[in-house]
Amino acid sequence: MAKSHSVATVCTLLFFIFLLAAS
């Protein structure tokens, strides 16, 4: 559970970073 949650959190952070870089 904890590992899965961590992966989801990292993916979300990377997604936001991508949006910031694209803007």
Protein backbone atom coordinates (compact mmCIF):
# COMPACT_ATOMS: atom_id res chain seq x y z
CA MET A 1 0.00 0.00 0.00
CA ALA A 2 2.63 2.49 1.07
CA LYS A 3 4.78 1.75 -1.98
CA SER A 4 1.82 2.14 -4.35
CA HIS A 5 0.89 5.44 -2.72
CA SER A 6 4.47 6.66 -3.04
CA VAL A 7 4.54 5.82 -6.75
CA ALA A 8 1.29 7.70 -7.30
CA THR A 9 2.67 10.70 -5.41
CA VAL A 10 5.88 10.75 -7.45
CA CYS A 11 3.92 10.50 -10.71
CA THR A 12 1.71 13.39 -9.63
CA LEU A 13 4.72 15.54 -8.74
CA LEU A 14 6.39 14.74 -12.08
CA PHE A 15 3.15 15.68 -13.85
CA PHE A 16 3.04 19.07 -12.14
CA ILE A 17 6.73 19.66 -12.93
CA PHE A 18 5.99 18.85 -16.57
CA LEU A 19 3.15 21.41 -16.62
CA LEU A 20 5.42 24.07 -15.11
CA ALA A 21 8.16 23.30 -17.63
CA ALA A 22 5.71 23.38 -20.54
CA SER A 23 4.27 26.76 -19.55
